[in-house]
Amino acid sequence: MRFVLRRLLLFAAALFGISVLVFAALRVLPGDVASVMAGVNSSPERVEALREQLGLNKPLAVQYVDWAGALLHGDFGTSILTGRSITTLVGTRASITFPLIILGLLVALAIGLPLGCAAVLARSPRTRSALRVVAVIGGAIPALWGGLLLILLFSRGSGLLGIFPSQGFPQEGWGSPGEAIWSLILPALSVGVIVGASIMRYTRSTLESLASSGYVDMARACGMTRTQAVLRVGLRLATPQLVSVVGLTFASMVTGVMVIENLFALPGIGSGLVTDVGNRDLIAVQSELFLLAAFFLGVGLIVDLLHRLLDPRLKSADASEVNR
């Protein structure tokens, strides 16, 4: 409980710091925020009216307190362009981005874990070298180029095979789940291949270090083959580290899929943030950046707690510290 409370306090302090940083970042931009949002050719009356509407004529400390108080009550503001609640906008975009990330992560795990284990268990040096080359090439593929290649191969209309749609998301959204999932296949493959190469490299390096450790040797002394010892003992010991890597990869993929969303015309969080920046809807950008940062911190907190739960050695270390 002491560990959990410490982490929660650090999480709250980090959220406060992020909120101040995001708030200040948009206030130090060249020019006035209201002038930027109103546009270059706007009249002074229009700029002044917008400043009054957004409360930008108040002192900065008052503006921050008003914004932070609204955040605590779940009010992230209203988009100036659409008039819709930012919470609703982010929720609609997240219903596309997070399924895309989950599908991409499943593809990455299906590629990375088996190939990482195979790179350690392969007895032939040529096979191990070939798998290393595959990992390097997979990680070096730019997301834009990989997505374009998949479009040329598998998209309807312009692709060689014409299996999957390459643009947009169904208007019914998840009301037609089959079409929704079908439209996310190519983007998920574009993300999953690159992320899978990273997971493969990490799995290989972790298992290689464990394969030469005393844990695997002890398992083999108990009658296990090398393959059984690596998969049953080594992979289980590597699970806490793999959970950390997968969790942090999941968080980083929120912004990592931005290029993919724009390439496949998916109205997700990344493409929506680019659109809001281009349309100078800075109030929406401010809340969206805070939500993204809060999501990163939340995933980091969950990964930290899971790592501790899965690795009993950390609990033993804390217990010895308390006893001393």
C-alpha atoms as a PDB file:
ATOM      1  CA  MET A   1       0.000   0.000   0.000  1.00  0.00           C
ATOM      2  CA  ARG A   2       2.872   2.354   0.745  1.00  0.00           C
ATOM      3  CA  PHE A   3       4.283   1.747  -2.734  1.00  0.00           C
ATOM      4  CA  VAL A   4       0.861   2.317  -4.371  1.00  0.00           C
ATOM      5  CA  LEU A   5       0.309   5.548  -2.428  1.00  0.00           C
ATOM      6  CA  ARG A   6       3.743   6.831  -3.437  1.00  0.00           C
ATOM      7  CA  ARG A   7       3.019   6.099  -7.072  1.00  0.00           C
ATOM      8  CA  LEU A   8      -0.407   7.764  -6.895  1.00  0.00           C
ATOM      9  CA  LEU A   9       1.102  10.888  -5.329  1.00  0.00           C
ATOM     10  CA  LEU A  10       3.768  11.001  -8.057  1.00  0.00           C
ATOM     11  CA  PHE A  11       1.042  10.516 -10.659  1.00  0.00           C
ATOM     12  CA  ALA A  12      -0.961  13.442  -9.266  1.00  0.00           C
ATOM     13  CA  ALA A  13       2.155  15.640  -9.129  1.00  0.00           C
ATOM     14  CA  ALA A  14       3.050  14.709 -12.715  1.00  0.00           C
ATOM     15  CA  LEU A  15      -0.488  15.553 -13.877  1.00  0.00           C
ATOM     16  CA  PHE A  16      -0.221  18.965 -12.226  1.00  0.00           C
ATOM     17  CA  GLY A  17       3.148  19.595 -13.868  1.00  0.00           C
ATOM     18  CA  ILE A  18       1.837  18.512 -17.277  1.00  0.00           C
ATOM     19  CA  SER A  19      -1.204  20.774 -16.964  1.00  0.00           C
ATOM     20  CA  VAL A  20       1.022  23.784 -16.183  1.00  0.00           C
ATOM     21  CA  LEU A  21       3.365  22.904 -19.053  1.00  0.00           C
ATOM     22  CA  VAL A  22       0.562  22.496 -21.606  1.00  0.00           C
ATOM     23  CA  PHE A  23      -1.145  25.690 -20.452  1.00  0.00           C
ATOM     24  CA  ALA A  24       2.072  27.680 -20.616  1.00  0.00           C
ATOM     25  CA  ALA A  25       3.161  26.229 -23.965  1.00  0.00           C
ATOM     26  CA  LEU A  26       0.184  27.708 -25.797  1.00  0.00           C
ATOM     27  CA  ARG A  27       0.606  31.072 -24.054  1.00  0.00           C
ATOM     28  CA  VAL A  28       4.224  31.532 -25.114  1.00  0.00           C
ATOM     29  CA  LEU A  29       3.415  31.140 -28.806  1.00  0.00           C
ATOM     30  CA  PRO A  30       4.276  34.197 -30.901  1.00  0.00           C
ATOM     31  CA  GLY A  31       1.321  36.605 -30.918  1.00  0.00           C
ATOM     32  CA  ASP A  32      -1.937  36.551 -29.026  1.00  0.00           C
ATOM     33  CA  VAL A  33      -3.875  33.270 -28.768  1.00  0.00           C
ATOM     34  CA  ALA A  34      -7.124  34.997 -29.782  1.00  0.00           C
ATOM     35  CA  SER A  35      -5.407  36.590 -32.813  1.00  0.00           C
ATOM     36  CA  VAL A  36      -4.011  33.235 -33.889  1.00  0.00           C
ATOM     37  CA  MET A  37      -7.397  31.529 -33.547  1.00  0.00           C
ATOM     38  CA  ALA A  38      -9.309  34.339 -35.261  1.00  0.00           C
ATOM     39  CA  GLY A  39      -7.005  34.391 -38.287  1.00  0.00           C
ATOM     40  CA  VAL A  40      -4.735  36.906 -39.956  1.00  0.00           C
ATOM     41  CA  ASN A  41      -7.463  38.958 -41.641  1.00  0.00           C
ATOM     42  CA  SER A  42      -9.817  39.213 -38.651  1.00  0.00           C
ATOM     43  CA  SER A  43     -10.914  42.615 -37.422  1.00  0.00           C
ATOM     44  CA  PRO A  44      -9.822  43.920 -34.012  1.00  0.00           C
ATOM     45  CA  GLU A  45     -13.452  43.704 -32.879  1.00  0.00           C
ATOM     46  CA  ARG A  46     -13.584  40.005 -33.761  1.00  0.00           C
ATOM     47  CA  VAL A  47     -10.326  39.345 -31.911  1.00  0.00           C
ATOM     48  CA  GLU A  48     -11.536  41.231 -28.839  1.00  0.00           C
ATOM     49  CA  ALA A  49     -14.869  39.378 -28.860  1.00  0.00           C
ATOM     50  CA  LEU A  50     -13.054  36.032 -29.072  1.00  0.00           C
ATOM     51  CA  ARG A  51     -10.728  37.052 -26.241  1.00  0.00           C
ATOM     52  CA  GLU A  52     -13.767  37.911 -24.115  1.00  0.00           C
ATOM     53  CA  GLN A  53     -15.539  34.667 -25.042  1.00  0.00           C
ATOM     54  CA  LEU A  54     -12.548  32.492 -24.115  1.00  0.00           C
ATOM     55  CA  GLY A  55     -11.638  34.460 -20.995  1.00  0.00           C
ATOM     56  CA  LEU A  56      -8.251  35.387 -22.425  1.00  0.00           C
ATOM     57  CA  ASN A  57      -8.572  38.926 -21.056  1.00  0.00           C
ATOM     58  CA  LYS A  58      -8.198  37.578 -17.518  1.00  0.00           C
ATOM     59  CA  PRO A  59      -4.841  37.225 -15.724  1.00  0.00           C
ATOM     60  CA  LEU A  60      -2.948  34.048 -16.597  1.00  0.00           C
ATOM     61  CA  ALA A  61      -3.258  32.660 -13.067  1.00  0.00           C
ATOM     62  CA  VAL A  62      -7.050  33.069 -13.189  1.00  0.00           C
ATOM     63  CA  GLN A  63      -7.181  31.462 -16.643  1.00  0.00           C
ATOM     64  CA  TYR A  64      -5.225  28.451 -15.401  1.00  0.00           C
ATOM     65  CA  VAL A  65      -7.355  28.029 -12.276  1.00  0.00           C
ATOM     66  CA  ASP A  66     -10.558  28.202 -14.354  1.00  0.00           C
ATOM     67  CA  TRP A  67      -9.229  25.648 -16.849  1.00  0.00           C
ATOM     68  CA  ALA A  68      -7.848  23.281 -14.187  1.00  0.00           C
ATOM     69  CA  GLY A  69     -11.105  23.515 -12.193  1.00  0.00           C
ATOM     70  CA  ALA A  70     -13.084  22.595 -15.305  1.00  0.00           C
ATOM     71  CA  LEU A  71     -10.748  19.631 -15.901  1.00  0.00           C
ATOM     72  CA  LEU A  72     -11.379  18.351 -12.389  1.00  0.00           C
ATOM     73  CA  HIS A  73     -15.115  18.390 -13.131  1.00  0.00           C
ATOM     74  CA  GLY A  74     -14.641  16.554 -16.433  1.00  0.00           C
ATOM     75  CA  ASP A  75     -15.284  19.640 -18.562  1.00  0.00           C
ATOM     76  CA  PHE A  76     -12.585  19.864 -21.244  1.00  0.00           C
ATOM     77  CA  GLY A  77     -14.164  22.802 -23.012  1.00  0.00           C
ATOM     78  CA  THR A  78     -15.917  23.324 -26.331  1.00  0.00           C
ATOM     79  CA  SER A  79     -14.460  23.420 -29.828  1.00  0.00           C
ATOM     80  CA  ILE A  80     -14.641  26.914 -31.298  1.00  0.00           C
ATOM     81  CA  LEU A  81     -15.031  25.569 -34.837  1.00  0.00           C
ATOM     82  CA  THR A  82     -17.680  22.880 -34.356  1.00  0.00           C
ATOM     83  CA  GLY A  83     -19.302  23.940 -31.099  1.00  0.00           C
ATOM     84  CA  ARG A  84     -19.133  20.328 -29.894  1.00  0.00           C
ATOM     85  CA  SER A  85     -17.826  19.232 -26.522  1.00  0.00           C
ATOM     86  CA  ILE A  86     -14.130  18.320 -26.661  1.00  0.00           C
ATOM     87  CA  THR A  87     -14.892  15.282 -24.496  1.00  0.00           C
ATOM     88  CA  THR A  88     -17.337  14.044 -27.159  1.00  0.00           C
ATOM     89  CA  LEU A  89     -14.842  14.752 -29.955  1.00  0.00           C
ATOM     90  CA  VAL A  90     -12.030  12.888 -28.200  1.00  0.00           C
ATOM     91  CA  GLY A  91     -14.355   9.987 -27.351  1.00  0.00           C
ATOM     92  CA  THR A  92     -15.435   9.646 -30.992  1.00  0.00           C
ATOM     93  CA  ARG A  93     -11.841   9.759 -32.223  1.00  0.00           C
ATOM     94  CA  ALA A  94     -10.660   7.347 -29.508  1.00  0.00           C
ATOM     95  CA  SER A  95     -13.234   4.771 -30.660  1.00  0.00           C
ATOM     96  CA  ILE A  96     -11.159   4.531 -33.851  1.00  0.00           C
ATOM     97  CA  THR A  97      -7.617   5.055 -32.553  1.00  0.00           C
ATOM     98  CA  PHE A  98      -7.653   2.574 -29.664  1.00  0.00           C
ATOM     99  CA  PRO A  99      -9.107  -0.365 -31.643  1.00  0.00           C
ATOM    100  CA  LEU A 100      -6.470   0.382 -34.301  1.00  0.00           C
ATOM    101  CA  ILE A 101      -3.723   0.333 -31.653  1.00  0.00           C
ATOM    102  CA  ILE A 102      -5.048  -2.888 -30.083  1.00  0.00           C
ATOM    103  CA  LEU A 103      -5.188  -4.635 -33.478  1.00  0.00           C
ATOM    104  CA  GLY A 104      -1.711  -3.343 -34.329  1.00  0.00           C
ATOM    105  CA  LEU A 105      -0.376  -4.546 -30.981  1.00  0.00           C
ATOM    106  CA  LEU A 106      -1.917  -8.002 -31.488  1.00  0.00           C
ATOM    107  CA  VAL A 107      -0.219  -8.188 -34.891  1.00  0.00           C
ATOM    108  CA  ALA A 108       3.060  -7.053 -33.317  1.00  0.00           C
ATOM    109  CA  LEU A 109       2.856  -9.687 -30.554  1.00  0.00           C
ATOM    110  CA  ALA A 110       1.968 -12.401 -33.076  1.00  0.00           C
ATOM    111  CA  ILE A 111       5.110 -11.466 -35.027  1.00  0.00           C
ATOM    112  CA  GLY A 112       7.537 -10.395 -32.310  1.00  0.00           C
ATOM    113  CA  LEU A 113       7.174 -13.074 -29.615  1.00  0.00           C
ATOM    114  CA  PRO A 114       7.426 -16.232 -31.801  1.00  0.00           C
ATOM    115  CA  LEU A 115      10.232 -14.836 -33.955  1.00  0.00           C
ATOM    116  CA  GLY A 116      12.106 -13.561 -30.884  1.00  0.00           C
ATOM    117  CA  CYS A 117      11.917 -17.003 -29.300  1.00  0.00           C
ATOM    118  CA  ALA A 118      12.900 -18.658 -32.595  1.00  0.00           C
ATOM    119  CA  ALA A 119      15.975 -16.413 -32.857  1.00  0.00           C
ATOM    120  CA  VAL A 120      17.181 -17.739 -29.486  1.00  0.00           C
ATOM    121  CA  LEU A 121      16.236 -21.391 -29.983  1.00  0.00           C
ATOM    122  CA  ALA A 122      17.524 -21.756 -33.552  1.00  0.00           C
ATOM    123  CA  ARG A 123      20.615 -23.938 -33.669  1.00  0.00           C
ATOM    124  CA  SER A 124      21.729 -22.909 -37.150  1.00  0.00           C
ATOM    125  CA  PRO A 125      23.840 -19.710 -37.236  1.00  0.00           C
ATOM    126  CA  ARG A 126      22.349 -18.892 -40.636  1.00  0.00           C
ATOM    127  CA  THR A 127      18.826 -19.039 -39.259  1.00  0.00           C
ATOM    128  CA  ARG A 128      19.751 -16.785 -36.334  1.00  0.00           C
ATOM    129  CA  SER A 129      21.432 -14.316 -38.697  1.00  0.00           C
ATOM    130  CA  ALA A 130      18.424 -14.352 -41.027  1.00  0.00           C
ATOM    131  CA  LEU A 131      16.067 -13.607 -38.140  1.00  0.00           C
ATOM    132  CA  ARG A 132      18.292 -10.738 -36.994  1.00  0.00           C
ATOM    133  CA  VAL A 133      18.176  -9.298 -40.514  1.00  0.00           C
ATOM    134  CA  VAL A 134      14.375  -9.615 -40.522  1.00  0.00           C
ATOM    135  CA  ALA A 135      14.195  -7.696 -37.227  1.00  0.00           C
ATOM    136  CA  VAL A 136      16.467  -4.930 -38.511  1.00  0.00           C
ATOM    137  CA  ILE A 137      14.614  -4.576 -41.818  1.00  0.00           C
ATOM    138  CA  GLY A 138      11.197  -4.652 -40.138  1.00  0.00           C
ATOM    139  CA  GLY A 139      12.174  -1.937 -37.678  1.00  0.00           C
ATOM    140  CA  ALA A 140      13.746   0.213 -40.397  1.00  0.00           C
ATOM    141  CA  ILE A 141      10.633   0.349 -42.609  1.00  0.00           C
ATOM    142  CA  PRO A 142       9.073   3.847 -42.464  1.00  0.00           C
ATOM    143  CA  ALA A 143       5.409   3.698 -41.484  1.00  0.00           C
ATOM    144  CA  LEU A 144       4.369   5.799 -44.487  1.00  0.00           C
ATOM    145  CA  TRP A 145       6.268   3.631 -46.977  1.00  0.00           C
ATOM    146  CA  GLY A 146       5.007   0.395 -45.404  1.00  0.00           C
ATOM    147  CA  GLY A 147       1.419   1.628 -45.496  1.00  0.00           C
ATOM    148  CA  LEU A 148       1.717   2.686 -49.145  1.00  0.00           C
ATOM    149  CA  LEU A 149       3.181  -0.715 -50.035  1.00  0.00           C
ATOM    150  CA  LEU A 150       0.253  -2.501 -48.344  1.00  0.00           C
ATOM    151  CA  ILE A 151      -2.192  -0.237 -50.202  1.00  0.00           C
ATOM    152  CA  LEU A 152      -0.557  -1.120 -53.529  1.00  0.00           C
ATOM    153  CA  LEU A 153      -0.741  -4.818 -52.710  1.00  0.00           C
ATOM    154  CA  PHE A 154      -4.061  -5.342 -50.910  1.00  0.00           C
ATOM    155  CA  SER A 155      -6.326  -2.289 -51.267  1.00  0.00           C
ATOM    156  CA  ARG A 156      -9.543  -2.264 -53.234  1.00  0.00           C
ATOM    157  CA  GLY A 157      -9.452  -0.333 -56.467  1.00  0.00           C
ATOM    158  CA  SER A 158      -5.711   0.311 -56.768  1.00  0.00           C
ATOM    159  CA  GLY A 159      -4.184  -2.805 -55.191  1.00  0.00           C
ATOM    160  CA  LEU A 160      -3.077  -5.998 -56.903  1.00  0.00           C
ATOM    161  CA  LEU A 161      -5.357  -8.234 -54.836  1.00  0.00           C
ATOM    162  CA  GLY A 162      -8.113  -5.766 -53.901  1.00  0.00           C
ATOM    163  CA  ILE A 163      -9.125  -7.258 -50.542  1.00  0.00           C
ATOM    164  CA  PHE A 164      -9.243  -4.470 -47.948  1.00  0.00           C
ATOM    165  CA  PRO A 165     -10.542  -0.867 -48.045  1.00  0.00           C
ATOM    166  CA  SER A 166      -7.757   1.684 -47.956  1.00  0.00           C
ATOM    167  CA  GLN A 167      -9.535   4.930 -47.092  1.00  0.00           C
ATOM    168  CA  GLY A 168     -11.936   6.102 -44.423  1.00  0.00           C
ATOM    169  CA  PHE A 169     -14.076   4.542 -41.720  1.00  0.00           C
ATOM    170  CA  PRO A 170     -17.739   3.430 -42.022  1.00  0.00           C
ATOM    171  CA  GLN A 171     -20.254   6.220 -41.403  1.00  0.00           C
ATOM    172  CA  GLU A 172     -22.163   3.911 -39.045  1.00  0.00           C
ATOM    173  CA  GLY A 173     -18.938   3.481 -37.059  1.00  0.00           C
ATOM    174  CA  TRP A 174     -19.056   0.428 -34.830  1.00  0.00           C
ATOM    175  CA  GLY A 175     -22.735   0.001 -35.659  1.00  0.00           C
ATOM    176  CA  SER A 176     -21.417  -2.215 -38.474  1.00  0.00           C
ATOM    177  CA  PRO A 177     -18.530  -3.958 -36.668  1.00  0.00           C
ATOM    178  CA  GLY A 178     -17.531  -6.148 -39.601  1.00  0.00           C
ATOM    179  CA  GLU A 179     -16.876  -3.201 -41.917  1.00  0.00           C
ATOM    180  CA  ALA A 180     -15.219  -1.252 -39.102  1.00  0.00           C
ATOM    181  CA  ILE A 181     -12.723  -4.027 -38.350  1.00  0.00           C
ATOM    182  CA  TRP A 182     -12.180  -4.645 -42.080  1.00  0.00           C
ATOM    183  CA  SER A 183     -11.246  -0.974 -42.587  1.00  0.00           C
ATOM    184  CA  LEU A 184      -8.627  -1.212 -39.804  1.00  0.00           C
ATOM    185  CA  ILE A 185      -6.807  -4.301 -41.107  1.00  0.00           C
ATOM    186  CA  LEU A 186      -4.339  -2.538 -43.414  1.00  0.00           C
ATOM    187  CA  PRO A 187      -3.539   0.274 -40.911  1.00  0.00           C
ATOM    188  CA  ALA A 188      -3.053  -2.318 -38.158  1.00  0.00           C
ATOM    189  CA  LEU A 189      -0.671  -4.311 -40.355  1.00  0.00           C
ATOM    190  CA  SER A 190       1.266  -1.133 -41.178  1.00  0.00           C
ATOM    191  CA  VAL A 191       1.753  -0.426 -37.466  1.00  0.00           C
ATOM    192  CA  GLY A 192       2.105  -4.034 -36.316  1.00  0.00           C
ATOM    193  CA  VAL A 193       5.018  -4.998 -38.578  1.00  0.00           C
ATOM    194  CA  ILE A 194       7.194  -2.116 -37.336  1.00  0.00           C
ATOM    195  CA  VAL A 195       6.293  -2.562 -33.669  1.00  0.00           C
ATOM    196  CA  GLY A 196       6.614  -6.341 -34.001  1.00  0.00           C
ATOM    197  CA  ALA A 197      10.233  -5.950 -35.111  1.00  0.00           C
ATOM    198  CA  SER A 198      10.989  -3.979 -31.929  1.00  0.00           C
ATOM    199  CA  ILE A 199       9.275  -6.565 -29.721  1.00  0.00           C
ATOM    200  CA  MET A 200      11.172  -9.308 -31.541  1.00  0.00           C
ATOM    201  CA  ARG A 201      14.529  -7.646 -30.843  1.00  0.00           C
ATOM    202  CA  TYR A 202      13.718  -7.098 -27.194  1.00  0.00           C
ATOM    203  CA  THR A 203      12.405 -10.657 -26.727  1.00  0.00           C
ATOM    204  CA  ARG A 204      15.522 -12.084 -28.340  1.00  0.00           C
ATOM    205  CA  SER A 205      17.958 -10.038 -26.248  1.00  0.00           C
ATOM    206  CA  THR A 206      16.091 -10.775 -22.994  1.00  0.00           C
ATOM    207  CA  LEU A 207      15.858 -14.524 -23.626  1.00  0.00           C
ATOM    208  CA  GLU A 208      19.492 -14.709 -24.749  1.00  0.00           C
ATOM    209  CA  SER A 209      20.636 -13.255 -21.435  1.00  0.00           C
ATOM    210  CA  LEU A 210      18.373 -15.632 -19.514  1.00  0.00           C
ATOM    211  CA  ALA A 211      19.385 -18.652 -21.628  1.00  0.00           C
ATOM    212  CA  SER A 212      22.949 -18.338 -20.341  1.00  0.00           C
ATOM    213  CA  SER A 213      21.850 -17.769 -16.741  1.00  0.00           C
ATOM    214  CA  GLY A 214      21.686 -20.207 -13.861  1.00  0.00           C
ATOM    215  CA  TYR A 215      17.892 -20.364 -13.993  1.00  0.00           C
ATOM    216  CA  VAL A 216      17.823 -22.115 -17.356  1.00  0.00           C
ATOM    217  CA  ASP A 217      20.769 -24.341 -16.400  1.00  0.00           C
ATOM    218  CA  MET A 218      18.935 -25.429 -13.247  1.00  0.00           C
ATOM    219  CA  ALA A 219      15.803 -26.200 -15.276  1.00  0.00           C
ATOM    220  CA  ARG A 220      17.849 -28.304 -17.676  1.00  0.00           C
ATOM    221  CA  ALA A 221      19.438 -30.102 -14.728  1.00  0.00           C
ATOM    222  CA  CYS A 222      15.900 -31.034 -13.641  1.00  0.00           C
ATOM    223  CA  GLY A 223      15.322 -32.847 -16.944  1.00  0.00           C
ATOM    224  CA  MET A 224      14.019 -30.148 -19.297  1.00  0.00           C
ATOM    225  CA  THR A 225      15.357 -29.762 -22.795  1.00  0.00           C
ATOM    226  CA  ARG A 226      16.890 -26.416 -23.781  1.00  0.00           C
ATOM    227  CA  THR A 227      13.741 -25.429 -25.658  1.00  0.00           C
ATOM    228  CA  GLN A 228      11.498 -26.328 -22.718  1.00  0.00           C
ATOM    229  CA  ALA A 229      13.734 -24.500 -20.255  1.00  0.00           C
ATOM    230  CA  VAL A 230      13.837 -21.308 -22.352  1.00  0.00           C
ATOM    231  CA  LEU A 231      10.097 -21.265 -23.064  1.00  0.00           C
ATOM    232  CA  ARG A 232       8.832 -22.350 -19.648  1.00  0.00           C
ATOM    233  CA  VAL A 233      11.393 -20.770 -17.346  1.00  0.00           C
ATOM    234  CA  GLY A 234      13.115 -18.055 -19.371  1.00  0.00           C
ATOM    235  CA  LEU A 235       9.933 -16.665 -20.924  1.00  0.00           C
ATOM    236  CA  ARG A 236       8.194 -16.621 -17.545  1.00  0.00           C
ATOM    237  CA  LEU A 237      11.114 -14.718 -15.991  1.00  0.00           C
ATOM    238  CA  ALA A 238      11.078 -12.280 -18.914  1.00  0.00           C
ATOM    239  CA  THR A 239       7.334 -11.615 -18.558  1.00  0.00           C
ATOM    240  CA  PRO A 240       7.631  -8.558 -16.231  1.00  0.00           C
ATOM    241  CA  GLN A 241      10.063  -6.844 -18.606  1.00  0.00           C
ATOM    242  CA  LEU A 242       7.925  -7.767 -21.630  1.00  0.00           C
ATOM    243  CA  VAL A 243       4.808  -6.379 -19.926  1.00  0.00           C
ATOM    244  CA  SER A 244       6.643  -3.108 -19.341  1.00  0.00           C
ATOM    245  CA  VAL A 245       7.776  -2.920 -22.964  1.00  0.00           C
ATOM    246  CA  VAL A 246       4.324  -3.777 -24.347  1.00  0.00           C
ATOM    247  CA  GLY A 247       2.597  -1.298 -22.028  1.00  0.00           C
ATOM    248  CA  LEU A 248       4.882   1.598 -22.897  1.00  0.00           C
ATOM    249  CA  THR A 249       4.698   0.643 -26.582  1.00  0.00           C
ATOM    250  CA  PHE A 250       0.896   0.778 -26.348  1.00  0.00           C
ATOM    251  CA  ALA A 251       1.095   4.309 -24.924  1.00  0.00           C
ATOM    252  CA  SER A 252       3.577   5.532 -27.533  1.00  0.00           C
ATOM    253  CA  MET A 253       1.471   4.111 -30.356  1.00  0.00           C
ATOM    254  CA  VAL A 254      -1.244   6.728 -29.701  1.00  0.00           C
ATOM    255  CA  THR A 255       0.929   9.346 -31.362  1.00  0.00           C
ATOM    256  CA  GLY A 256       2.804   6.791 -33.470  1.00  0.00           C
ATOM    257  CA  VAL A 257      -0.331   5.990 -35.499  1.00  0.00           C
ATOM    258  CA  MET A 258      -0.749   9.667 -36.460  1.00  0.00           C
ATOM    259  CA  VAL A 259       0.905   9.153 -39.866  1.00  0.00           C
ATOM    260  CA  ILE A 260      -1.099   5.977 -40.461  1.00  0.00           C
ATOM    261  CA  GLU A 261      -4.400   7.670 -39.626  1.00  0.00           C
ATOM    262  CA  ASN A 262      -3.674  10.459 -42.090  1.00  0.00           C
ATOM    263  CA  LEU A 263      -2.547   8.005 -44.772  1.00  0.00           C
ATOM    264  CA  PHE A 264      -5.697   5.863 -44.478  1.00  0.00           C
ATOM    265  CA  ALA A 265      -8.020   8.865 -43.852  1.00  0.00           C
ATOM    266  CA  LEU A 266      -9.112   7.587 -40.434  1.00  0.00           C
ATOM    267  CA  PRO A 267     -10.697  10.271 -38.202  1.00  0.00           C
ATOM    268  CA  GLY A 268      -8.767   9.228 -35.086  1.00  0.00           C
ATOM    269  CA  ILE A 269      -7.012  11.132 -32.312  1.00  0.00           C
ATOM    270  CA  GLY A 270      -3.784  11.728 -34.241  1.00  0.00           C
ATOM    271  CA  SER A 271      -5.372  13.035 -37.426  1.00  0.00           C
ATOM    272  CA  GLY A 272      -7.900  15.033 -35.367  1.00  0.00           C
ATOM    273  CA  LEU A 273      -5.095  16.719 -33.435  1.00  0.00           C
ATOM    274  CA  VAL A 274      -3.349  17.641 -36.700  1.00  0.00           C
ATOM    275  CA  THR A 275      -6.637  19.044 -38.029  1.00  0.00           C
ATOM    276  CA  ASP A 276      -7.245  21.116 -34.884  1.00  0.00           C
ATOM    277  CA  VAL A 277      -3.717  22.542 -35.033  1.00  0.00           C
ATOM    278  CA  GLY A 278      -4.178  23.402 -38.701  1.00  0.00           C
ATOM    279  CA  ASN A 279      -7.543  25.057 -37.957  1.00  0.00           C
ATOM    280  CA  ARG A 280      -6.040  27.026 -35.045  1.00  0.00           C
ATOM    281  CA  ASP A 281      -8.545  25.565 -32.554  1.00  0.00           C
ATOM    282  CA  LEU A 282      -5.994  26.019 -29.774  1.00  0.00           C
ATOM    283  CA  ILE A 283      -8.437  25.536 -26.894  1.00  0.00           C
ATOM    284  CA  ALA A 284      -9.265  22.076 -28.226  1.00  0.00           C
ATOM    285  CA  VAL A 285      -5.546  21.394 -28.791  1.00  0.00           C
ATOM    286  CA  GLN A 286      -4.805  22.386 -25.191  1.00  0.00           C
ATOM    287  CA  SER A 287      -7.283  19.891 -23.728  1.00  0.00           C
ATOM    288  CA  GLU A 288      -6.343  17.152 -26.202  1.00  0.00           C
ATOM    289  CA  LEU A 289      -2.644  17.455 -25.369  1.00  0.00           C
ATOM    290  CA  PHE A 290      -3.441  17.237 -21.658  1.00  0.00           C
ATOM    291  CA  LEU A 291      -5.592  14.128 -22.210  1.00  0.00           C
ATOM    292  CA  LEU A 292      -2.812  12.464 -24.221  1.00  0.00           C
ATOM    293  CA  ALA A 293      -0.231  13.272 -21.560  1.00  0.00           C
ATOM    294  CA  ALA A 294      -2.568  11.994 -18.833  1.00  0.00           C
ATOM    295  CA  PHE A 295      -3.048   8.776 -20.814  1.00  0.00           C
ATOM    296  CA  PHE A 296       0.733   8.264 -21.105  1.00  0.00           C
ATOM    297  CA  LEU A 297       1.135   8.788 -17.368  1.00  0.00           C
ATOM    298  CA  GLY A 298      -1.781   6.472 -16.594  1.00  0.00           C
ATOM    299  CA  VAL A 299      -0.351   3.663 -18.707  1.00  0.00           C
ATOM    300  CA  GLY A 300       3.048   4.162 -17.064  1.00  0.00           C
ATOM    301  CA  LEU A 301       1.420   3.879 -13.622  1.00  0.00           C
ATOM    302  CA  ILE A 302      -0.425   0.686 -14.577  1.00  0.00           C
ATOM    303  CA  VAL A 303       2.733  -0.838 -16.072  1.00  0.00           C
ATOM    304  CA  ASP A 304       4.678   0.032 -12.936  1.00  0.00           C
ATOM    305  CA  LEU A 305       2.102  -1.660 -10.713  1.00  0.00           C
ATOM    306  CA  LEU A 306       1.862  -4.731 -12.973  1.00  0.00           C
ATOM    307  CA  HIS A 307       5.651  -5.051 -13.085  1.00  0.00           C
ATOM    308  CA  ARG A 308       5.733  -5.077  -9.324  1.00  0.00           C
ATOM    309  CA  LEU A 309       2.886  -7.578  -9.140  1.00  0.00           C
ATOM    310  CA  LEU A 310       4.540  -9.976 -11.586  1.00  0.00           C
ATOM    311  CA  ASP A 311       8.068  -9.740 -10.174  1.00  0.00           C
ATOM    312  CA  PRO A 312       8.168 -10.972  -6.556  1.00  0.00           C
ATOM    313  CA  ARG A 313      11.846  -9.978  -6.283  1.00  0.00           C
ATOM    314  CA  LEU A 314      10.798  -6.330  -6.047  1.00  0.00           C
ATOM    315  CA  LYS A 315       8.525  -7.100  -3.106  1.00  0.00           C
ATOM    316  CA  SER A 316      11.343  -8.951  -1.365  1.00  0.00           C
ATOM    317  CA  ALA A 317      13.686  -6.008  -1.899  1.00  0.00           C
ATOM    318  CA  ASP A 318      11.178  -3.607  -0.329  1.00  0.00           C
ATOM    319  CA  ALA A 319      10.548  -5.964   2.584  1.00  0.00           C
ATOM    320  CA  SER A 320      14.287  -6.123   3.331  1.00  0.00           C
ATOM    321  CA  GLU A 321      14.473  -2.321   3.221  1.00  0.00           C
ATOM    322  CA  VAL A 322      11.608  -2.011   5.709  1.00  0.00           C
ATOM    323  CA  ASN A 323      13.252  -4.558   8.027  1.00  0.00           C
ATOM    324  CA  ARG A 324      16.488  -2.599   7.973  1.00  0.00           C
END
